[in-house]
């Protein structure tokens, strides 16, 4: 009996221990939260950056934590704006924008080097990282990088003057904008060039003034004749304008943004000069106007910089420091001038009906059309020749029913006055008139409902050759 009790008691102890072991494995002890998570470290020799990523949102929470930590690190690097800096001057001119500060901060966070990972921590919901950056090491690296950047900008400026000497306006301007772009991370600090090496350019202010003067050297060559636009055309020939520099040399291969003063004119908003300095403004549609309209030509710096990410990054800031007036060009918008020449005969003799002429003029009434009495003033000429004759069946009808039958034939055509090109031709036949005599039968053919319908159809297609609504 004692032996059985001993065996039972030993088994109970083993089961109890096993049960405790299972419990221990199911509930591990949570890691201790580091002090830096709740209390920010304070050291006089290091910049500190702490950030976390939310694990419950999914995605790359580790990368999110690192990004937040580096942004936090950047915010500790406080740079007082120098009174000689570009941003200081803009701020004092009341045109400073907080977006500029954000741009500088983001640029700085992208360029931070030499930081080290001190520690990391995570729980079920968050992942934390702690970075440090030695202040002295950062200052040395920053000073070296700034000097390298200034040297790069200086080289671009020197090269831009070589392009200018070779009359390559676009390449020269592009390099000067690139020089400004590479300097954007340091616009909150004083930047000075060696004027003897940078062709007299001493600082960023001289650089922006140089860019502005270069843009202001563009002008429009005065035209002998002003281009003319007509409303509701199927297509438009480009309007050509000549641009030149102060040196009287053509402005070659330079892009522009184009905007019209009137909302009734639709344009292709971008164009560029060719090798001869000719800028073509492409018109897409014109609604009726009766006055001179103007187009604004603005240098398209973004297109000029192309895929150059450094230069394009600086364009947003650069536009706050330069002021250039848009160039203006003009065009006259007038209605389409039409001359109608109608010959209407009855049995080969002229009539005073003018039925066809009045019908055509009525169909072309509107603010987009101007009817003229002189072919020299016309854009288009509509010619109509109509005549009646005794129909082949008339003799039978006269003999049997005392009724005469006249047939009417109309030849209609549209001609471009400037080119003499025939744009449309039509012939109207199978139109008849009845009466007790042949002359009256011919007159009745002009007033028949069938003739009105056929003439209306022909004029409709003719009108579509002139106007596209």
Protein backbone atom coordinates (compact mmCIF):
# COMPACT_ATOMS: atom_id res chain seq x y z
CA UNK A 1 0.00 0.00 0.00
CA UNK A 2 2.77 2.44 0.88
CA UNK A 3 4.55 1.58 -2.38
CA UNK A 4 1.43 2.36 -4.43
CA UNK A 5 0.96 5.70 -2.63
CA UNK A 6 4.60 6.66 -3.32
CA UNK A 7 4.21 5.91 -7.05
CA UNK A 8 0.99 7.97 -7.24
CA UNK A 9 2.55 10.92 -5.41
CA UNK A 10 5.63 10.93 -7.69
CA UNK A 11 3.43 10.91 -10.79
CA UNK A 12 1.40 13.84 -9.47
CA UNK A 13 4.58 15.90 -8.96
CA UNK A 14 5.77 15.17 -12.53
CA UNK A 15 2.40 16.18 -14.02
CA UNK A 16 2.44 19.41 -11.98
CA UNK A 17 5.91 20.35 -13.23
CA UNK A 18 4.99 19.60 -16.84
CA UNK A 19 1.89 21.77 -16.49
CA UNK A 20 3.98 24.68 -15.17
CA UNK A 21 6.42 24.27 -18.07
CA UNK A 22 3.59 24.53 -20.65
CA UNK A 23 2.20 27.64 -19.00
CA UNK A 24 5.63 29.25 -19.04
CA UNK A 25 6.03 28.59 -22.77
CA UNK A 26 2.60 30.02 -23.58
CA UNK A 27 3.16 33.34 -21.80
CA UNK A 28 6.69 34.68 -22.43
CA UNK A 29 7.90 37.68 -20.51
CA UNK A 30 7.55 40.96 -22.59
CA UNK A 31 10.78 42.86 -23.42
CA UNK A 32 11.47 45.88 -21.28
CA UNK A 33 10.68 49.25 -22.98
CA UNK A 34 13.89 51.30 -23.39
CA UNK A 35 14.04 54.63 -21.59
CA UNK A 36 14.66 56.58 -24.87
CA UNK A 37 11.16 55.68 -26.11
CA UNK A 38 9.47 57.76 -23.40
CA UNK A 39 12.33 60.13 -22.41
CA UNK A 40 14.27 61.78 -25.23
CA UNK A 41 18.06 61.55 -24.68
CA UNK A 42 19.79 64.91 -24.26
CA UNK A 43 23.45 65.18 -25.31
CA UNK A 44 25.47 68.23 -26.25
CA UNK A 45 27.62 66.38 -28.79
CA UNK A 46 25.02 64.41 -30.73
CA UNK A 47 21.94 65.13 -32.81
CA UNK A 48 19.13 62.70 -31.91
CA UNK A 49 16.47 61.26 -34.17
CA UNK A 50 13.71 58.98 -32.91
CA UNK A 51 10.83 57.64 -34.97
CA UNK A 52 8.35 54.80 -35.07
CA UNK A 53 6.30 52.86 -37.62
CA UNK A 54 2.75 51.64 -37.08
CA UNK A 55 2.70 47.86 -37.56
CA UNK A 56 -1.12 47.70 -37.55
CA UNK A 57 -1.38 49.66 -40.82
CA UNK A 58 0.62 47.16 -42.80
CA UNK A 59 3.28 48.16 -45.30
CA UNK A 60 6.97 48.62 -44.59
CA UNK A 61 6.78 49.86 -41.00
CA UNK A 62 10.56 49.61 -40.58
CA UNK A 63 11.16 52.04 -43.46
CA UNK A 64 8.47 54.34 -42.07
CA UNK A 65 10.20 54.37 -38.68
CA UNK A 66 13.56 55.20 -40.27
CA UNK A 67 12.05 58.01 -42.36
CA UNK A 68 10.38 59.55 -39.30
CA UNK A 69 13.58 59.26 -37.28
CA UNK A 70 15.67 61.00 -39.93
CA UNK A 71 13.10 63.78 -40.27
CA UNK A 72 13.23 64.13 -36.48
CA UNK A 73 17.01 64.25 -36.71
CA UNK A 74 16.81 66.99 -39.33
CA UNK A 75 14.48 69.08 -37.17
CA UNK A 76 17.19 69.13 -34.47
CA UNK A 77 19.66 70.63 -36.91
CA UNK A 78 18.50 74.22 -36.58
CA UNK A 79 20.19 76.69 -38.90
CA UNK A 80 19.72 80.37 -38.24
CA UNK A 81 18.88 82.20 -41.49
CA UNK A 82 21.78 84.47 -42.41
CA UNK A 83 20.99 88.11 -43.17
CA UNK A 84 22.90 87.58 -46.42
CA UNK A 85 20.87 84.54 -47.46
CA UNK A 86 18.34 84.41 -50.26
CA UNK A 87 15.50 83.16 -48.07
CA UNK A 88 16.08 85.97 -45.57
CA UNK A 89 15.67 88.54 -48.32
CA UNK A 90 12.49 86.92 -49.58
CA UNK A 91 11.08 86.79 -46.08
CA UNK A 92 11.77 90.48 -45.57
CA UNK A 93 10.00 91.24 -48.85
CA UNK A 94 6.82 89.64 -47.45
CA UNK A 95 6.73 87.00 -50.16
CA UNK A 96 8.29 84.20 -48.13
CA UNK A 97 6.39 80.94 -48.30
CA UNK A 98 6.53 78.19 -45.69
CA UNK A 99 6.69 75.66 -48.50
CA UNK A 100 10.25 76.86 -49.18
CA UNK A 101 11.30 75.96 -45.65
CA UNK A 102 9.70 72.55 -46.05
CA UNK A 103 11.57 72.06 -49.31
CA UNK A 104 14.87 72.94 -47.69
CA UNK A 105 14.18 70.60 -44.74
CA UNK A 106 13.24 67.69 -46.96
CA UNK A 107 16.29 68.29 -49.10
CA UNK A 108 18.46 68.30 -45.98
CA UNK A 109 16.95 65.05 -44.69
CA UNK A 110 17.72 63.39 -48.01
CA UNK A 111 21.35 64.50 -47.82
CA UNK A 112 22.17 63.62 -44.20
CA UNK A 113 25.16 61.28 -43.89
CA UNK A 114 27.16 59.76 -41.05
CA UNK A 115 24.26 58.94 -38.73
CA UNK A 116 24.34 55.66 -36.75
CA UNK A 117 21.66 53.35 -35.40
CA UNK A 118 21.89 53.32 -31.59
CA UNK A 119 18.98 51.04 -30.69
CA UNK A 120 15.62 49.67 -31.83
CA UNK A 121 12.53 48.36 -30.05
CA UNK A 122 9.23 46.82 -31.08
CA UNK A 123 6.03 45.52 -29.58
CA UNK A 124 2.84 44.13 -31.10
CA UNK A 125 1.77 47.52 -32.53
CA UNK A 126 4.88 49.69 -33.05
CA UNK A 127 8.47 49.56 -34.25
CA UNK A 128 10.89 52.20 -32.86
CA UNK A 129 14.39 53.26 -34.00
CA UNK A 130 16.93 55.61 -32.41
CA UNK A 131 19.62 57.35 -34.51
CA UNK A 132 22.47 59.68 -33.53
CA UNK A 133 24.70 62.00 -35.55
CA UNK A 134 27.95 63.46 -34.27
CA UNK A 135 27.62 67.28 -34.39
CA UNK A 136 31.25 68.01 -35.21
CA UNK A 137 31.36 65.34 -37.89
CA UNK A 138 28.14 66.70 -39.38
CA UNK A 139 29.52 70.27 -39.43
CA UNK A 140 32.69 69.15 -41.21
CA UNK A 141 30.81 67.10 -43.78
CA UNK A 142 28.33 69.92 -44.37
CA UNK A 143 31.06 72.51 -44.88
CA UNK A 144 32.87 70.24 -47.34
CA UNK A 145 29.69 69.42 -49.24
CA UNK A 146 28.68 73.10 -49.37
CA UNK A 147 32.04 74.07 -50.84
CA UNK A 148 31.80 71.30 -53.42
CA UNK A 149 28.30 72.48 -54.35
CA UNK A 150 29.44 76.10 -54.72
CA UNK A 151 32.32 74.96 -56.94
CA UNK A 152 29.90 72.96 -59.10
CA UNK A 153 27.59 75.97 -59.44
CA UNK A 154 30.53 78.22 -60.25
CA UNK A 155 31.66 75.87 -63.02
CA UNK A 156 28.16 75.88 -64.49
CA UNK A 157 28.13 79.69 -64.48
CA UNK A 158 31.49 79.89 -66.23
CA UNK A 159 30.32 77.39 -68.84
CA UNK A 160 27.10 79.39 -69.36
CA UNK A 161 29.14 82.42 -70.45
CA UNK A 162 30.91 80.25 -73.02
CA UNK A 163 27.51 79.20 -74.40
CA UNK A 164 26.45 82.84 -74.46
CA UNK A 165 29.57 83.77 -76.42
CA UNK A 166 28.67 81.03 -78.92
CA UNK A 167 25.12 82.48 -79.18
CA UNK A 168 23.57 79.37 -77.63
CA UNK A 169 20.94 81.16 -75.58
CA UNK A 170 19.01 78.07 -74.38
CA UNK A 171 22.10 76.16 -73.21
CA UNK A 172 23.41 79.25 -71.41
CA UNK A 173 20.15 79.87 -69.53
CA UNK A 174 19.75 76.20 -68.70
CA UNK A 175 23.16 76.03 -67.01
CA UNK A 176 22.45 79.14 -64.95
CA UNK A 177 19.18 77.62 -63.74
CA UNK A 178 21.04 74.39 -62.97
CA UNK A 179 23.54 76.41 -60.91
CA UNK A 180 20.66 77.89 -58.92
CA UNK A 181 19.12 74.43 -58.53
CA UNK A 182 22.21 72.82 -56.99
CA UNK A 183 22.39 75.69 -54.48
CA UNK A 184 18.81 75.33 -53.16
CA UNK A 185 19.81 73.29 -50.04
CA UNK A 186 21.96 76.27 -48.93
CA UNK A 187 19.61 79.18 -49.67
CA UNK A 188 19.16 79.72 -45.94
CA UNK A 189 22.90 80.41 -45.64
CA UNK A 190 25.32 82.91 -47.07
CA UNK A 191 26.68 81.82 -50.46
CA UNK A 192 29.58 83.61 -52.11
CA UNK A 193 31.49 82.90 -55.34
CA UNK A 194 34.97 83.91 -56.33
CA UNK A 195 33.90 86.71 -58.71
CA UNK A 196 37.18 86.50 -60.65
CA UNK A 197 36.45 82.86 -61.48
CA UNK A 198 32.66 83.17 -62.00
CA UNK A 199 32.74 86.01 -64.56
CA UNK A 200 31.83 88.67 -62.01
CA UNK A 201 28.98 86.72 -60.37
CA UNK A 202 29.56 87.14 -56.63
CA UNK A 203 26.49 85.54 -55.01
CA UNK A 204 23.05 84.05 -55.63
CA UNK A 205 21.54 87.52 -56.06
CA UNK A 206 23.89 88.22 -58.96
CA UNK A 207 22.96 84.84 -60.43
CA UNK A 208 19.19 85.43 -60.26
CA UNK A 209 19.65 88.94 -61.70
CA UNK A 210 21.67 87.44 -64.55
CA UNK A 211 18.88 84.94 -65.28
CA UNK A 212 16.25 87.69 -65.21
CA UNK A 213 18.25 89.96 -67.53
CA UNK A 214 18.70 87.07 -69.94
CA UNK A 215 14.97 86.37 -70.07
CA UNK A 216 14.21 90.07 -70.49
CA UNK A 217 16.52 90.22 -73.52
CA UNK A 218 13.89 88.35 -75.59
CA UNK A 219 11.65 90.47 -77.81
CA UNK A 220 9.14 90.05 -80.62
CA UNK A 221 10.08 91.34 -84.06
CA UNK A 222 7.48 93.83 -85.26
CA UNK A 223 5.37 92.36 -88.03
CA UNK A 224 4.51 94.08 -91.29
CA UNK A 225 1.09 92.45 -91.40
CA UNK A 226 -1.06 91.12 -88.56
CA UNK A 227 -2.25 87.49 -88.98
CA UNK A 228 -5.98 87.02 -89.55
CA UNK A 229 -8.20 84.32 -88.02
CA UNK A 230 -11.61 83.23 -89.27
CA UNK A 231 -14.24 81.53 -87.07
CA UNK A 232 -15.37 77.91 -87.33
CA UNK A 233 -12.69 76.58 -89.64
CA UNK A 234 -11.95 72.87 -89.96
CA UNK A 235 -8.25 73.56 -89.38
CA UNK A 236 -5.96 76.55 -89.03
CA UNK A 237 -2.56 77.26 -90.46
CA UNK A 238 -0.15 78.10 -87.60
CA UNK A 239 0.36 81.80 -86.84
CA UNK A 240 4.04 82.66 -87.16
CA UNK A 241 5.88 85.21 -85.02
CA UNK A 242 9.59 86.04 -85.07
CA UNK A 243 11.54 86.34 -81.80
CA UNK A 244 15.00 87.75 -81.32
CA UNK A 245 17.51 88.78 -78.64
CA UNK A 246 18.88 92.24 -77.91
CA UNK A 247 21.84 91.34 -80.07
CA UNK A 248 19.33 91.09 -82.98
CA UNK A 249 20.11 87.39 -83.37
CA UNK A 250 17.19 84.93 -83.70
CA UNK A 251 16.05 83.16 -80.52
CA UNK A 252 16.64 79.55 -81.48
CA UNK A 253 14.95 76.42 -80.10
CA UNK A 254 13.41 78.05 -77.04
CA UNK A 255 10.10 76.81 -75.51
CA UNK A 256 7.14 79.01 -74.58
CA UNK A 257 3.79 78.68 -72.83
CA UNK A 258 1.06 80.39 -74.85
CA UNK A 259 -2.20 81.81 -73.49
CA UNK A 260 -4.93 83.77 -75.25
CA UNK A 261 -6.84 86.76 -73.93
CA UNK A 262 -10.18 85.55 -75.35
CA UNK A 263 -11.89 82.39 -74.17
CA UNK A 264 -13.46 82.07 -77.64
CA UNK A 265 -10.09 81.06 -79.06
CA UNK A 266 -8.60 77.66 -78.19
CA UNK A 267 -4.86 77.19 -78.54
CA UNK A 268 -2.22 74.54 -78.21
CA UNK A 269 -0.63 76.06 -75.12
CA UNK A 270 2.97 75.05 -75.90
CA UNK A 271 5.37 75.80 -78.72
CA UNK A 272 9.05 76.52 -79.35
CA UNK A 273 11.02 78.67 -81.76
CA UNK A 274 12.79 77.00 -84.66
CA UNK A 275 16.35 77.54 -85.90
CA UNK A 276 15.28 80.83 -87.50
CA UNK A 277 13.64 82.17 -84.35
CA UNK A 278 10.10 81.60 -85.66
CA UNK A 279 7.46 80.66 -83.10
CA UNK A 280 4.32 79.03 -84.44
CA UNK A 281 1.11 79.50 -82.46
CA UNK A 282 -1.24 76.61 -83.20
CA UNK A 283 -4.92 77.60 -83.13
CA UNK A 284 -7.44 74.82 -82.53
CA UNK A 285 -10.76 76.66 -82.71
CA UNK A 286 -12.16 80.18 -83.10
CA UNK A 287 -15.63 81.45 -82.29
CA UNK A 288 -16.96 84.69 -83.80
CA UNK A 289 -15.14 87.86 -82.73
CA UNK A 290 -14.77 91.19 -84.43
CA UNK A 291 -11.61 92.65 -82.94
CA UNK A 292 -7.89 92.22 -82.42
CA UNK A 293 -6.95 89.46 -79.97
CA UNK A 294 -3.67 89.05 -78.10
CA UNK A 295 -1.59 86.04 -77.06
CA UNK A 296 0.86 85.96 -74.14
CA UNK A 297 4.18 84.20 -74.61
CA UNK A 298 5.81 83.07 -71.37
CA UNK A 299 9.24 81.37 -71.30
CA UNK A 300 8.61 77.70 -70.46
CA UNK A 301 11.47 77.07 -68.05
CA UNK A 302 10.17 73.66 -66.97
CA UNK A 303 10.27 72.34 -70.53
CA UNK A 304 13.67 73.96 -71.06
CA UNK A 305 15.08 71.98 -68.13
CA UNK A 306 13.64 68.73 -69.53
CA UNK A 307 14.47 65.72 -67.36
CA UNK A 308 17.11 67.60 -65.35
CA UNK A 309 15.80 66.92 -61.84
CA UNK A 310 18.25 69.32 -60.15
CA UNK A 311 17.34 72.21 -62.40
CA UNK A 312 13.61 71.55 -62.21
CA UNK A 313 13.76 71.43 -58.40
CA UNK A 314 15.12 74.96 -58.37
CA UNK A 315 12.57 76.38 -60.81
CA UNK A 316 9.82 76.66 -58.18
CA UNK A 317 12.07 78.75 -55.95
CA UNK A 318 13.63 80.67 -58.82
CA UNK A 319 10.24 82.00 -59.96
CA UNK A 320 9.96 83.84 -56.65
CA UNK A 321 13.15 85.82 -57.31
CA UNK A 322 12.76 86.79 -60.96
CA UNK A 323 10.11 88.93 -62.60
CA UNK A 324 9.66 88.82 -66.34
CA UNK A 325 6.86 90.37 -68.36
CA UNK A 326 5.10 88.10 -70.83
CA UNK A 327 5.65 88.90 -74.47
CA UNK A 328 2.54 89.90 -76.43
CA UNK A 329 1.60 89.11 -80.01
CA UNK A 330 -1.62 89.86 -81.84
CA UNK A 331 -4.00 88.57 -84.49
CA UNK A 332 -7.12 89.99 -86.07
CA UNK A 333 -10.33 87.97 -85.86
CA UNK A 334 -12.86 88.80 -88.56
CA UNK A 335 -15.94 87.19 -90.04
CA UNK A 336 -15.75 85.17 -93.24
CA UNK A 337 -16.41 87.31 -96.29
CA UNK A 338 -18.62 85.75 -98.95
CA UNK A 339 -19.56 87.06 -102.37
CA UNK A 340 -22.60 85.47 -104.02
CA UNK A 341 -22.81 85.62 -107.81
CA UNK A 342 -26.12 84.22 -109.06
CA UNK A 343 -27.31 84.07 -112.67
CA UNK A 344 -30.96 83.05 -113.00
CA UNK A 345 -32.50 82.62 -116.46
CA UNK A 346 -35.79 81.39 -117.81
CA UNK A 347 -35.66 79.86 -121.27
CA UNK A 348 -32.26 81.50 -121.81
CA UNK A 349 -33.48 84.99 -120.86
CA UNK A 350 -32.37 86.87 -117.69
CA UNK A 351 -35.00 87.19 -114.95
CA UNK A 352 -35.48 89.52 -112.01
CA UNK A 353 -36.30 86.69 -109.61
CA UNK A 354 -33.03 86.49 -107.58
CA UNK A 355 -34.62 83.53 -105.80
CA UNK A 356 -31.44 81.47 -105.57
CA UNK A 357 -29.29 84.42 -104.46
CA UNK A 358 -31.72 85.36 -101.69
CA UNK A 359 -31.97 81.73 -100.56
CA UNK A 360 -28.16 81.37 -100.28
CA UNK A 361 -27.69 84.69 -98.47
CA UNK A 362 -30.41 83.77 -96.01
CA UNK A 363 -28.67 80.48 -95.20
CA UNK A 364 -25.37 82.30 -94.59
CA UNK A 365 -26.69 84.97 -92.24
CA UNK A 366 -24.94 85.13 -88.85
CA UNK A 367 -22.24 86.94 -86.90
CA UNK A 368 -19.53 84.67 -88.34
CA UNK A 369 -20.38 85.69 -91.94
CA UNK A 370 -19.95 88.96 -93.79
CA UNK A 371 -21.68 89.22 -97.19
CA UNK A 372 -19.80 91.55 -99.53
CA UNK A 373 -20.59 93.14 -102.90
CA UNK A 374 -17.04 93.02 -104.25
CA UNK A 375 -15.04 89.93 -105.14
CA UNK A 376 -11.81 91.65 -104.02
CA UNK A 377 -13.08 91.67 -100.42
CA UNK A 378 -14.25 88.05 -100.43
CA UNK A 379 -12.69 85.00 -98.82
CA UNK A 380 -15.03 82.70 -100.75
CA UNK A 381 -17.09 83.09 -103.93
CA UNK A 382 -20.36 81.21 -104.41
CA UNK A 383 -21.42 80.99 -108.05
CA UNK A 384 -24.83 79.80 -109.19
CA UNK A 385 -25.97 79.50 -112.82
CA UNK A 386 -29.59 78.46 -113.39
CA UNK A 387 -31.72 78.18 -116.52
CA UNK A 388 -34.93 76.51 -117.67
CA UNK A 389 -35.77 74.85 -120.97
CA UNK A 390 -38.66 73.10 -122.59
CA UNK A 391 -38.82 69.52 -121.34
CA UNK A 392 -38.89 66.68 -123.87
CA UNK A 393 -42.36 65.67 -122.63
CA UNK A 394 -43.85 69.15 -122.98
CA UNK A 395 -45.08 68.68 -126.60
CA UNK A 396 -47.18 65.63 -125.66
CA UNK A 397 -48.69 67.45 -122.67
CA UNK A 398 -49.47 70.53 -124.75
CA UNK A 399 -51.17 68.47 -127.44
CA UNK A 400 -53.23 66.37 -125.06
CA UNK A 401 -53.78 68.60 -122.03
CA UNK A 402 -52.82 72.15 -123.11
CA UNK A 403 -50.12 72.11 -120.33
CA UNK A 404 -46.47 73.10 -120.87
CA UNK A 405 -43.62 71.47 -118.94
CA UNK A 406 -40.27 73.25 -118.20
CA UNK A 407 -37.21 71.67 -116.58
CA UNK A 408 -34.74 73.61 -114.36
CA UNK A 409 -31.02 72.91 -114.09
CA UNK A 410 -28.77 74.69 -111.53
CA UNK A 411 -24.97 74.50 -111.41
CA UNK A 412 -23.55 75.52 -108.02
CA UNK A 413 -19.90 75.88 -107.00
CA UNK A 414 -17.76 77.28 -104.17
CA UNK A 415 -14.34 78.81 -104.85
CA UNK A 416 -11.54 79.90 -102.50
CA UNK A 417 -10.76 83.47 -103.56
CA UNK A 418 -7.12 83.41 -102.41
CA UNK A 419 -6.18 80.15 -104.16
CA UNK A 420 -8.88 79.95 -106.87
CA UNK A 421 -9.43 76.34 -105.75
CA UNK A 422 -12.88 74.89 -106.41
CA UNK A 423 -13.96 73.50 -103.04
CA UNK A 424 -17.42 72.26 -103.95
CA UNK A 425 -19.52 71.60 -107.07
CA UNK A 426 -23.10 70.42 -107.41
CA UNK A 427 -25.76 70.20 -110.10
CA UNK A 428 -29.48 70.28 -109.38
CA UNK A 429 -31.72 68.50 -111.88
CA UNK A 430 -35.13 66.76 -112.02
CA UNK A 431 -36.93 69.97 -111.12
CA UNK A 432 -39.99 70.90 -113.19
CA UNK A 433 -42.63 73.58 -113.55
CA UNK A 434 -46.13 73.33 -115.07
CA UNK A 435 -48.34 76.05 -116.61
CA UNK A 436 -50.57 76.84 -119.58
CA UNK A 437 -47.59 78.45 -121.27
CA UNK A 438 -43.91 77.56 -121.29
CA UNK A 439 -42.59 80.85 -119.83
CA UNK A 440 -44.87 80.63 -116.80
CA UNK A 441 -43.93 76.95 -116.42
CA UNK A 442 -40.25 77.97 -116.21
CA UNK A 443 -41.02 80.56 -113.53
CA UNK A 444 -43.01 77.99 -111.55
CA UNK A 445 -40.02 75.63 -111.58
CA UNK A 446 -38.08 78.19 -109.47
CA UNK A 447 -40.81 78.21 -106.82
CA UNK A 448 -41.49 74.46 -106.65
CA UNK A 449 -41.14 72.71 -103.29
CA UNK A 450 -38.88 70.09 -104.84
CA UNK A 451 -36.46 72.79 -106.02
CA UNK A 452 -36.38 74.41 -102.55
CA UNK A 453 -35.57 71.05 -100.94
CA UNK A 454 -32.82 70.19 -103.42
CA UNK A 455 -31.27 73.67 -103.23
CA UNK A 456 -31.34 73.51 -99.44
CA UNK A 457 -29.49 70.18 -99.46
CA UNK A 458 -26.82 71.46 -101.87
CA UNK A 459 -26.26 74.67 -99.87
CA UNK A 460 -25.97 72.64 -96.66
CA UNK A 461 -23.02 70.64 -98.02
CA UNK A 462 -21.51 73.79 -99.54
CA UNK A 463 -21.69 75.58 -96.18
CA UNK A 464 -19.88 72.71 -94.46
CA UNK A 465 -16.90 73.42 -96.71
CA UNK A 466 -16.69 76.93 -95.21
CA UNK A 467 -17.84 76.49 -91.60
CA UNK A 468 -17.41 73.66 -89.07
CA UNK A 469 -19.59 74.18 -85.98
